[in-house]
Amino acid sequence: MSYAATAALQGAVYQHLSAAPALSGVAIYDAVPPQPAATFVLVGAEEARDASDGSGAGAEHLLQISILSDGSGFLAAKTIAADISDALTGAGLVLSRGTLVSLLFLRARAQRIDEGEVRRIDMTFRARIEL
């Protein structure tokens, strides 16, 4: 098991989303800034586990991408979530360390937080990386 490719995965996902035409104008962060945009994407939370096999070392990363919006409904956040899913599912990202074998959508959860003032969608993607 190795956590060695985690920064490479996050960097590649961030770059891919930042360059996606459908997400043009959407703020994408890896930490919540002091004064975030009204609707923004947060990349970074992750869980990793060993996925080594007879062919070599590897890891499975469950990468969380969140959409937060102070809009009055879920429509804007869900539209961004769909664009993220389209951009990442099956994307052939090139990592600076390791090789991405697959990147698939796993699940999503939409909820109201902060006493209903903020909409949050947490999407989880499963990335399989060979090292």
C-alpha atoms as a PDB file:
ATOM      1  CA  MET A   1       0.000   0.000   0.000  1.00  0.00           C
ATOM      2  CA  SER A   2       1.182   3.454  -0.760  1.00  0.00           C
ATOM      3  CA  TYR A   3      -0.273   6.912  -0.354  1.00  0.00           C
ATOM      4  CA  ALA A   4       2.421   8.198  -2.688  1.00  0.00           C
ATOM      5  CA  ALA A   5       0.152   9.237  -5.577  1.00  0.00           C
ATOM      6  CA  THR A   6      -2.412  11.185  -3.574  1.00  0.00           C
ATOM      7  CA  ALA A   7      -0.988  14.650  -4.333  1.00  0.00           C
ATOM      8  CA  ALA A   8      -0.562  13.697  -7.989  1.00  0.00           C
ATOM      9  CA  LEU A   9      -4.214  12.603  -8.164  1.00  0.00           C
ATOM     10  CA  GLN A  10      -5.503  15.758  -6.507  1.00  0.00           C
ATOM     11  CA  GLY A  11      -3.383  17.971  -8.749  1.00  0.00           C
ATOM     12  CA  ALA A  12      -4.520  16.204 -11.920  1.00  0.00           C
ATOM     13  CA  VAL A  13      -8.195  16.365 -10.895  1.00  0.00           C
ATOM     14  CA  TYR A  14      -7.890  20.044 -10.022  1.00  0.00           C
ATOM     15  CA  GLN A  15      -6.209  20.857 -13.340  1.00  0.00           C
ATOM     16  CA  HIS A  16      -8.750  18.815 -15.324  1.00  0.00           C
ATOM     17  CA  LEU A  17     -11.733  20.493 -13.664  1.00  0.00           C
ATOM     18  CA  SER A  18     -10.163  23.947 -13.993  1.00  0.00           C
ATOM     19  CA  ALA A  19      -9.765  23.395 -17.742  1.00  0.00           C
ATOM     20  CA  ALA A  20     -13.234  21.900 -18.331  1.00  0.00           C
ATOM     21  CA  PRO A  21     -15.272  24.259 -20.552  1.00  0.00           C
ATOM     22  CA  ALA A  22     -18.521  23.358 -18.769  1.00  0.00           C
ATOM     23  CA  LEU A  23     -17.012  24.595 -15.477  1.00  0.00           C
ATOM     24  CA  SER A  24     -15.717  27.888 -16.851  1.00  0.00           C
ATOM     25  CA  GLY A  25     -16.366  30.584 -14.280  1.00  0.00           C
ATOM     26  CA  VAL A  26     -16.869  28.119 -11.402  1.00  0.00           C
ATOM     27  CA  ALA A  27     -14.464  28.685  -8.502  1.00  0.00           C
ATOM     28  CA  ILE A  28     -12.515  25.516  -7.635  1.00  0.00           C
ATOM     29  CA  TYR A  29     -10.539  25.304  -4.380  1.00  0.00           C
ATOM     30  CA  ASP A  30      -8.690  22.743  -2.283  1.00  0.00           C
ATOM     31  CA  ALA A  31      -9.457  24.675   0.913  1.00  0.00           C
ATOM     32  CA  VAL A  32     -12.345  26.970   1.740  1.00  0.00           C
ATOM     33  CA  PRO A  33     -11.066  30.521   1.273  1.00  0.00           C
ATOM     34  CA  PRO A  34     -11.923  33.305   3.727  1.00  0.00           C
ATOM     35  CA  GLN A  35     -14.396  34.828   1.259  1.00  0.00           C
ATOM     36  CA  PRO A  36     -15.582  32.035  -1.072  1.00  0.00           C
ATOM     37  CA  ALA A  37     -17.699  32.592  -4.152  1.00  0.00           C
ATOM     38  CA  ALA A  38     -21.470  32.127  -3.741  1.00  0.00           C
ATOM     39  CA  THR A  39     -21.144  28.739  -5.451  1.00  0.00           C
ATOM     40  CA  PHE A  40     -17.867  26.858  -5.497  1.00  0.00           C
ATOM     41  CA  VAL A  41     -16.234  23.439  -5.796  1.00  0.00           C
ATOM     42  CA  LEU A  42     -14.005  21.961  -3.112  1.00  0.00           C
ATOM     43  CA  VAL A  43     -11.522  19.192  -4.025  1.00  0.00           C
ATOM     44  CA  GLY A  44      -9.499  17.246  -1.543  1.00  0.00           C
ATOM     45  CA  ALA A  45     -11.141  15.017   1.068  1.00  0.00           C
ATOM     46  CA  GLU A  46     -10.086  11.448   0.407  1.00  0.00           C
ATOM     47  CA  GLU A  47      -9.836   7.909   1.715  1.00  0.00           C
ATOM     48  CA  ALA A  48      -7.236   5.483   0.367  1.00  0.00           C
ATOM     49  CA  ARG A  49      -6.728   1.756   0.705  1.00  0.00           C
ATOM     50  CA  ASP A  50      -4.349  -0.848  -0.592  1.00  0.00           C
ATOM     51  CA  ALA A  51      -5.119  -2.200  -4.053  1.00  0.00           C
ATOM     52  CA  SER A  52      -1.841  -4.018  -4.698  1.00  0.00           C
ATOM     53  CA  ASP A  53      -2.026  -7.282  -6.588  1.00  0.00           C
ATOM     54  CA  GLY A  54       0.296  -9.790  -8.243  1.00  0.00           C
ATOM     55  CA  SER A  55       1.263  -7.265 -10.910  1.00  0.00           C
ATOM     56  CA  GLY A  56       2.529  -4.667  -8.423  1.00  0.00           C
ATOM     57  CA  ALA A  57       1.728  -1.935  -5.926  1.00  0.00           C
ATOM     58  CA  GLY A  58      -1.443   0.075  -6.178  1.00  0.00           C
ATOM     59  CA  ALA A  59      -4.032   1.998  -4.264  1.00  0.00           C
ATOM     60  CA  GLU A  60      -7.720   2.769  -4.461  1.00  0.00           C
ATOM     61  CA  HIS A  61      -8.602   6.369  -3.650  1.00  0.00           C
ATOM     62  CA  LEU A  62     -12.109   7.498  -2.776  1.00  0.00           C
ATOM     63  CA  LEU A  63     -11.872  11.172  -3.698  1.00  0.00           C
ATOM     64  CA  GLN A  64     -14.552  13.577  -2.525  1.00  0.00           C
ATOM     65  CA  ILE A  65     -15.499  16.619  -4.534  1.00  0.00           C
ATOM     66  CA  SER A  66     -18.015  18.970  -2.945  1.00  0.00           C
ATOM     67  CA  ILE A  67     -20.199  21.658  -4.451  1.00  0.00           C
ATOM     68  CA  LEU A  68     -21.376  24.357  -2.045  1.00  0.00           C
ATOM     69  CA  SER A  69     -23.935  26.981  -2.971  1.00  0.00           C
ATOM     70  CA  ASP A  70     -25.879  29.640  -1.151  1.00  0.00           C
ATOM     71  CA  GLY A  71     -28.432  29.642  -3.972  1.00  0.00           C
ATOM     72  CA  SER A  72     -32.119  29.297  -3.123  1.00  0.00           C
ATOM     73  CA  GLY A  73     -32.356  25.792  -4.566  1.00  0.00           C
ATOM     74  CA  PHE A  74     -30.312  22.807  -5.648  1.00  0.00           C
ATOM     75  CA  LEU A  75     -30.512  23.371  -9.412  1.00  0.00           C
ATOM     76  CA  ALA A  76     -27.250  25.316  -9.815  1.00  0.00           C
ATOM     77  CA  ALA A  77     -25.311  22.925  -7.577  1.00  0.00           C
ATOM     78  CA  LYS A  78     -26.753  19.847  -9.297  1.00  0.00           C
ATOM     79  CA  THR A  79     -25.901  21.258 -12.722  1.00  0.00           C
ATOM     80  CA  ILE A  80     -22.287  21.769 -11.622  1.00  0.00           C
ATOM     81  CA  ALA A  81     -22.237  18.266 -10.106  1.00  0.00           C
ATOM     82  CA  ALA A  82     -23.402  16.792 -13.426  1.00  0.00           C
ATOM     83  CA  ASP A  83     -20.684  18.737 -15.270  1.00  0.00           C
ATOM     84  CA  ILE A  84     -18.052  17.432 -12.840  1.00  0.00           C
ATOM     85  CA  SER A  85     -19.303  13.876 -13.254  1.00  0.00           C
ATOM     86  CA  ASP A  86     -19.178  14.201 -17.048  1.00  0.00           C
ATOM     87  CA  ALA A  87     -15.672  15.687 -16.907  1.00  0.00           C
ATOM     88  CA  LEU A  88     -14.172  13.094 -14.552  1.00  0.00           C
ATOM     89  CA  THR A  89     -15.898   9.783 -15.252  1.00  0.00           C
ATOM     90  CA  GLY A  90     -13.469   7.750 -17.310  1.00  0.00           C
ATOM     91  CA  ALA A  91     -11.084  10.701 -17.738  1.00  0.00           C
ATOM     92  CA  GLY A  92      -7.595   9.650 -18.764  1.00  0.00           C
ATOM     93  CA  LEU A  93      -5.704  11.887 -16.368  1.00  0.00           C
ATOM     94  CA  VAL A  94      -1.925  11.844 -16.483  1.00  0.00           C
ATOM     95  CA  LEU A  95      -0.442  11.793 -12.991  1.00  0.00           C
ATOM     96  CA  SER A  96       2.989  13.098 -12.030  1.00  0.00           C
ATOM     97  CA  ARG A  97       3.401   9.942  -9.934  1.00  0.00           C
ATOM     98  CA  GLY A  98       1.770   6.589 -10.613  1.00  0.00           C
ATOM     99  CA  THR A  99      -0.626   5.590 -13.377  1.00  0.00           C
ATOM    100  CA  LEU A 100      -4.364   6.151 -13.229  1.00  0.00           C
ATOM    101  CA  VAL A 101      -6.039   2.891 -14.210  1.00  0.00           C
ATOM    102  CA  SER A 102      -9.647   4.026 -13.756  1.00  0.00           C
ATOM    103  CA  LEU A 103     -11.690   6.931 -12.449  1.00  0.00           C
ATOM    104  CA  LEU A 104     -15.380   6.270 -11.848  1.00  0.00           C
ATOM    105  CA  PHE A 105     -18.293   7.988 -10.151  1.00  0.00           C
ATOM    106  CA  LEU A 106     -19.259   6.092  -7.003  1.00  0.00           C
ATOM    107  CA  ARG A 107     -21.944   8.101  -5.176  1.00  0.00           C
ATOM    108  CA  ALA A 108     -23.302  11.532  -4.277  1.00  0.00           C
ATOM    109  CA  ARG A 109     -25.250  13.063  -1.429  1.00  0.00           C
ATOM    110  CA  ALA A 110     -27.145  16.359  -1.636  1.00  0.00           C
ATOM    111  CA  GLN A 111     -28.140  18.132   1.566  1.00  0.00           C
ATOM    112  CA  ARG A 112     -28.961  21.463   3.151  1.00  0.00           C
ATOM    113  CA  ILE A 113     -26.527  22.721   5.794  1.00  0.00           C
ATOM    114  CA  ASP A 114     -26.152  25.849   7.948  1.00  0.00           C
ATOM    115  CA  GLU A 115     -29.821  25.857   8.926  1.00  0.00           C
ATOM    116  CA  GLY A 116     -30.887  25.387   5.313  1.00  0.00           C
ATOM    117  CA  GLU A 117     -28.986  28.414   4.013  1.00  0.00           C
ATOM    118  CA  VAL A 118     -26.367  26.428   2.051  1.00  0.00           C
ATOM    119  CA  ARG A 119     -26.752  23.560  -0.406  1.00  0.00           C
ATOM    120  CA  ARG A 120     -23.975  20.957  -0.386  1.00  0.00           C
ATOM    121  CA  ILE A 121     -23.419  18.056  -2.738  1.00  0.00           C
ATOM    122  CA  ASP A 122     -20.650  15.609  -1.853  1.00  0.00           C
ATOM    123  CA  MET A 123     -19.596  13.452  -4.793  1.00  0.00           C
ATOM    124  CA  THR A 124     -17.287  10.473  -4.373  1.00  0.00           C
ATOM    125  CA  PHE A 125     -15.150   9.127  -7.195  1.00  0.00           C
ATOM    126  CA  ARG A 126     -13.149   5.908  -7.091  1.00  0.00           C
ATOM    127  CA  ALA A 127      -9.670   6.158  -8.584  1.00  0.00           C
ATOM    128  CA  ARG A 128      -7.482   3.070  -9.056  1.00  0.00           C
ATOM    129  CA  ILE A 129      -3.785   3.917  -9.277  1.00  0.00           C
ATOM    130  CA  GLU A 130      -0.848   1.650 -10.064  1.00  0.00           C
ATOM    131  CA  LEU A 131       2.521   2.633  -8.626  1.00  0.00           C
END
